[in-house]
Amino acid sequence: MSRAVIIIPARWGSTRFPGKPLHLIAGKPLVQHVWERCLEVKGVDQVIVATDDTRILEAAFGFGAEVALTSAKHPSGTDRLAEVAKNLPSAGIILNVQGDEPLLDPRLAERVIGALKSDPEARMSTAACPLAHADLANPNCVKVVMDLAGYALYFSRSPIPCDRDGDALPARFRHIGIYAYRRAFLLDLVKHRQTPLEKSEKLEQLRALEHGAKIRVIVTKSSGPGVDTPQDAKLIARMLKKRK
């Protein structure tokens, strides 16, 4: 059975929300919430925070995380992930959990890993949930469309699919920021330069699609919101307070 390792890329220089990983939510840095959820995922051998910033590194060490300090020159989180994965030769599957998903369901992460293990055609797997109509035009909310077999056709910040005549009522899905890669595929993927669609949408998974890789998409009923803006962080703080 392939070893599975979770890597959480966390960088300081977000254009929309600088310093986001250390933004306090309910008294803890955002990245700590994500790390704690990842520790609950069954069947995972390691959870590593990958960062290029010493402030994040020191904070992560402070709450007990295993941390990898990476280059600051990576064009994407995928490249940062691969730098860490190179030093994990015994890992068969690398799970990339975005550092802005503090309400990640550990069982969903287990399903994403399981989908990749059971599907020899897939190079990657990820997750999606039904898209709320209010998020249709929100560019911070990434949409995904799948083929009939459940593989991703495209990811976009734009409203997809288009219902031209307004009578088709297509199912619309929001992408959830979690990916499982076969380690060998991940290391091969980052040898390629950023692709045109990836650059246009600022979505790293499009590099895999543009090179013809199959990405299995697991559909779940719902998912907590990610943190793209300070307003999102306030919403999640209220949600966590209600849970307690």
Protein backbone atom coordinates (compact mmCIF):
# COMPACT_ATOMS: atom_id res chain seq x y z
CA MET A 1 0.00 0.00 0.00
CA SER A 2 1.38 3.41 -1.00
CA ARG A 3 2.32 5.77 1.80
CA ALA A 4 0.23 8.93 1.79
CA VAL A 5 1.63 12.26 2.92
CA ILE A 6 -0.27 15.54 3.33
CA ILE A 7 1.55 18.74 2.41
CA ILE A 8 0.03 22.14 3.22
CA PRO A 9 1.58 24.90 1.08
CA ALA A 10 1.51 28.18 3.00
CA ARG A 11 2.96 31.40 1.64
CA TRP A 12 2.94 34.91 3.01
CA GLY A 13 2.57 36.89 -0.21
CA SER A 14 -1.05 36.32 -1.22
CA THR A 15 -2.11 39.17 -3.52
CA ARG A 16 -5.64 39.26 -2.09
CA PHE A 17 -4.75 38.59 1.53
CA PRO A 18 -1.07 39.09 2.54
CA GLY A 19 -0.08 37.12 5.62
CA LYS A 20 -3.18 34.95 5.33
CA PRO A 21 -1.72 31.74 6.87
CA LEU A 22 -1.08 33.55 10.16
CA HIS A 23 -4.36 35.45 10.27
CA LEU A 24 -5.95 34.63 13.61
CA ILE A 25 -9.31 32.87 13.51
CA ALA A 26 -10.86 31.98 16.87
CA GLY A 27 -7.47 32.57 18.52
CA LYS A 28 -5.40 30.35 16.20
CA PRO A 29 -3.52 31.03 12.95
CA LEU A 30 -5.45 29.94 9.88
CA VAL A 31 -2.79 27.39 8.92
CA GLN A 32 -3.06 25.78 12.38
CA HIS A 33 -6.76 25.12 11.84
CA VAL A 34 -5.94 23.42 8.52
CA TRP A 35 -3.10 21.39 10.07
CA GLU A 36 -5.33 20.19 12.92
CA ARG A 37 -7.96 18.99 10.45
CA CYS A 38 -5.31 17.16 8.47
CA LEU A 39 -4.13 15.29 11.56
CA GLU A 40 -7.60 13.71 11.71
CA VAL A 41 -7.26 12.14 8.25
CA LYS A 42 -6.92 8.38 8.59
CA GLY A 43 -4.30 6.43 6.67
CA VAL A 44 -1.85 9.34 6.36
CA ASP A 45 1.76 8.92 7.48
CA GLN A 46 2.90 12.55 7.67
CA VAL A 47 1.46 16.07 7.66
CA ILE A 48 3.92 18.77 6.58
CA VAL A 49 3.53 22.54 6.34
CA ALA A 50 5.55 23.82 3.37
CA THR A 51 6.45 27.50 3.43
CA ASP A 52 8.97 29.99 2.09
CA ASP A 53 8.54 32.41 4.99
CA THR A 54 10.33 32.22 8.34
CA ARG A 55 7.37 33.85 10.14
CA ILE A 56 5.10 30.99 9.05
CA LEU A 57 7.84 28.46 9.79
CA GLU A 58 8.29 29.72 13.37
CA ALA A 59 4.53 29.83 13.99
CA ALA A 60 4.08 26.29 12.65
CA PHE A 61 6.93 24.98 14.79
CA GLY A 62 5.26 26.73 17.71
CA PHE A 63 2.05 24.75 17.40
CA GLY A 64 3.91 21.48 16.81
CA ALA A 65 3.85 21.00 13.04
CA GLU A 66 6.49 19.36 10.91
CA VAL A 67 7.68 22.12 8.59
CA ALA A 68 9.62 22.23 5.32
CA LEU A 69 11.25 25.54 4.31
CA THR A 70 11.08 25.88 0.53
CA SER A 71 12.34 28.24 -2.14
CA ALA A 72 10.64 31.62 -2.50
CA LYS A 73 10.95 31.46 -6.29
CA HIS A 74 8.23 28.89 -7.00
CA PRO A 75 5.59 30.17 -9.46
CA SER A 76 2.87 28.04 -7.87
CA GLY A 77 1.93 25.96 -4.87
CA THR A 78 2.30 22.84 -7.01
CA ASP A 79 5.99 23.59 -7.51
CA ARG A 80 6.40 24.17 -3.77
CA LEU A 81 4.69 20.84 -3.15
CA ALA A 82 7.02 19.03 -5.53
CA GLU A 83 10.13 20.43 -3.82
CA VAL A 84 9.02 18.75 -0.60
CA ALA A 85 7.84 15.57 -2.36
CA LYS A 86 11.31 15.06 -3.89
CA ASN A 87 12.57 14.36 -0.39
CA LEU A 88 9.84 11.77 0.29
CA PRO A 89 10.91 8.81 -1.87
CA SER A 90 8.79 6.29 0.02
CA ALA A 91 5.57 8.27 -0.49
CA GLY A 92 3.26 7.00 -3.23
CA ILE A 93 0.54 9.62 -2.89
CA ILE A 94 0.92 13.29 -2.03
CA LEU A 95 -2.19 15.08 -0.78
CA ASN A 96 -2.11 18.84 -1.30
CA VAL A 97 -4.43 20.60 1.14
CA GLN A 98 -4.67 24.32 0.50
CA GLY A 99 -3.78 26.36 3.55
CA ASP A 100 -7.08 28.25 3.36
CA GLU A 101 -9.46 25.34 3.99
CA PRO A 102 -9.90 25.43 7.82
CA LEU A 103 -13.19 23.53 7.70
CA LEU A 104 -11.86 20.62 5.64
CA ASP A 105 -13.74 17.38 6.35
CA PRO A 106 -11.10 14.70 7.14
CA ARG A 107 -13.40 12.03 5.68
CA LEU A 108 -13.45 13.88 2.37
CA ALA A 109 -9.66 13.86 2.31
CA GLU A 110 -9.78 10.10 2.88
CA ARG A 111 -12.19 9.72 -0.06
CA VAL A 112 -9.93 11.76 -2.34
CA ILE A 113 -6.95 9.59 -1.47
CA GLY A 114 -9.02 6.42 -1.88
CA ALA A 115 -10.27 7.51 -5.30
CA LEU A 116 -6.73 7.87 -6.60
CA LYS A 117 -5.63 4.55 -5.13
CA SER A 118 -8.55 2.73 -6.76
CA ASP A 119 -8.41 4.39 -10.21
CA PRO A 120 -5.35 3.37 -12.26
CA GLU A 121 -6.25 5.82 -15.05
CA ALA A 122 -6.26 8.91 -12.84
CA ARG A 123 -3.06 10.83 -12.23
CA MET A 124 -4.77 13.12 -9.72
CA SER A 125 -7.97 13.32 -7.73
CA THR A 126 -9.82 16.24 -6.16
CA ALA A 127 -13.23 17.21 -4.80
CA ALA A 128 -16.22 19.40 -5.55
CA CYS A 129 -19.61 20.25 -4.07
CA PRO A 130 -22.79 21.87 -5.43
CA LEU A 131 -22.28 25.54 -6.22
CA ALA A 132 -24.46 28.11 -4.48
CA HIS A 133 -26.09 30.48 -6.96
CA ALA A 134 -24.66 33.46 -5.05
CA ASP A 135 -21.13 32.24 -5.85
CA LEU A 136 -21.69 31.76 -9.57
CA ALA A 137 -20.09 35.08 -10.56
CA ASN A 138 -17.52 35.14 -7.73
CA PRO A 139 -14.03 34.77 -9.27
CA ASN A 140 -12.63 33.65 -5.89
CA CYS A 141 -14.94 30.63 -6.08
CA VAL A 142 -13.49 28.14 -8.57
CA LYS A 143 -15.94 26.10 -10.64
CA VAL A 144 -15.39 22.69 -12.20
CA VAL A 145 -17.20 20.73 -14.91
CA MET A 146 -16.83 16.96 -15.26
CA ASP A 147 -17.40 14.38 -17.98
CA LEU A 148 -19.92 11.56 -17.56
CA ALA A 149 -17.26 9.32 -16.03
CA GLY A 150 -16.43 11.82 -13.29
CA TYR A 151 -13.19 13.22 -14.64
CA ALA A 152 -12.54 16.96 -14.73
CA LEU A 153 -13.05 18.69 -18.07
CA TYR A 154 -12.20 22.22 -16.94
CA PHE A 155 -11.76 24.49 -13.94
CA SER A 156 -12.57 28.17 -14.11
CA ARG A 157 -13.14 31.33 -12.12
CA SER A 158 -15.90 32.19 -14.58
CA PRO A 159 -19.49 30.88 -14.37
CA ILE A 160 -19.41 27.46 -16.05
CA PRO A 161 -21.21 25.76 -17.65
CA CYS A 162 -23.18 28.40 -19.52
CA ASP A 163 -26.91 27.75 -19.74
CA ARG A 164 -27.45 29.67 -22.98
CA ASP A 165 -31.24 29.43 -23.20
CA GLY A 166 -31.89 29.28 -19.47
CA ASP A 167 -33.82 26.03 -19.60
CA ALA A 168 -31.18 23.29 -19.22
CA LEU A 169 -30.67 23.70 -15.45
CA PRO A 170 -27.13 22.25 -15.51
CA ALA A 171 -25.57 21.00 -12.31
CA ARG A 172 -22.87 23.41 -11.20
CA PHE A 173 -20.02 22.54 -8.86
CA ARG A 174 -17.58 24.46 -6.69
CA HIS A 175 -14.08 23.11 -6.56
CA ILE A 176 -12.71 22.29 -3.11
CA GLY A 177 -9.01 23.02 -2.61
CA ILE A 178 -7.67 19.52 -2.06
CA TYR A 179 -5.70 17.37 -4.51
CA ALA A 180 -4.12 13.93 -4.40
CA TYR A 181 -1.22 13.30 -6.79
CA ARG A 182 0.70 10.20 -7.63
CA ARG A 183 4.15 11.30 -6.51
CA ALA A 184 5.83 10.32 -9.78
CA PHE A 185 3.26 12.32 -11.76
CA LEU A 186 3.70 15.37 -9.53
CA LEU A 187 7.46 15.36 -10.00
CA ASP A 188 7.00 15.05 -13.77
CA LEU A 189 4.32 17.76 -13.90
CA VAL A 190 6.54 20.47 -12.45
CA LYS A 191 9.13 19.87 -15.16
CA HIS A 192 6.69 21.58 -17.53
CA ARG A 193 6.42 25.33 -17.67
CA GLN A 194 3.21 27.05 -16.64
CA THR A 195 0.66 26.58 -19.39
CA PRO A 196 -1.48 29.25 -21.12
CA LEU A 197 -4.76 28.37 -19.39
CA GLU A 198 -3.03 28.02 -16.03
CA LYS A 199 -1.57 31.52 -16.43
CA SER A 200 -4.90 32.98 -17.55
CA GLU A 201 -7.06 31.49 -14.78
CA LYS A 202 -4.31 31.38 -12.14
CA LEU A 203 -5.31 27.76 -11.47
CA GLU A 204 -2.47 25.27 -11.15
CA GLN A 205 -4.57 22.18 -11.87
CA LEU A 206 -5.05 23.36 -15.45
CA ARG A 207 -1.41 22.51 -16.14
CA ALA A 208 -2.27 18.87 -15.59
CA LEU A 209 -5.36 19.05 -17.83
CA GLU A 210 -3.49 20.88 -20.57
CA HIS A 211 -0.99 18.01 -20.62
CA GLY A 212 -3.78 15.45 -20.94
CA ALA A 213 -3.81 14.04 -17.41
CA LYS A 214 -7.01 12.58 -15.99
CA ILE A 215 -8.25 14.14 -12.75
CA ARG A 216 -10.89 12.19 -10.84
CA VAL A 217 -13.42 14.44 -9.06
CA ILE A 218 -15.15 13.27 -5.89
CA VAL A 219 -18.50 15.00 -5.33
CA THR A 220 -19.60 15.72 -1.79
CA LYS A 221 -22.84 17.26 -0.58
CA SER A 222 -21.34 20.35 0.97
CA SER A 223 -18.15 21.92 2.21
CA GLY A 224 -17.27 24.76 4.51
CA PRO A 225 -16.08 27.99 2.86
CA GLY A 226 -12.43 28.63 2.17
CA VAL A 227 -10.64 31.81 3.20
CA ASP A 228 -9.94 34.12 0.26
CA THR A 229 -10.53 37.46 1.99
CA PRO A 230 -10.58 38.92 5.53
CA GLN A 231 -14.38 38.86 5.31
CA ASP A 232 -14.26 35.09 4.77
CA ALA A 233 -12.11 34.77 7.89
CA LYS A 234 -14.73 36.62 9.95
CA LEU A 235 -17.46 34.31 8.65
CA ILE A 236 -15.48 31.19 9.57
CA ALA A 237 -14.70 32.57 13.03
CA ARG A 238 -18.44 32.91 13.63
CA MET A 239 -19.02 29.36 12.35
CA LEU A 240 -16.36 27.94 14.65
CA LYS A 241 -17.81 29.83 17.61
CA LYS A 242 -21.24 28.31 16.93
CA ARG A 243 -19.74 24.81 16.74
CA LYS A 244 -18.12 25.23 20.15
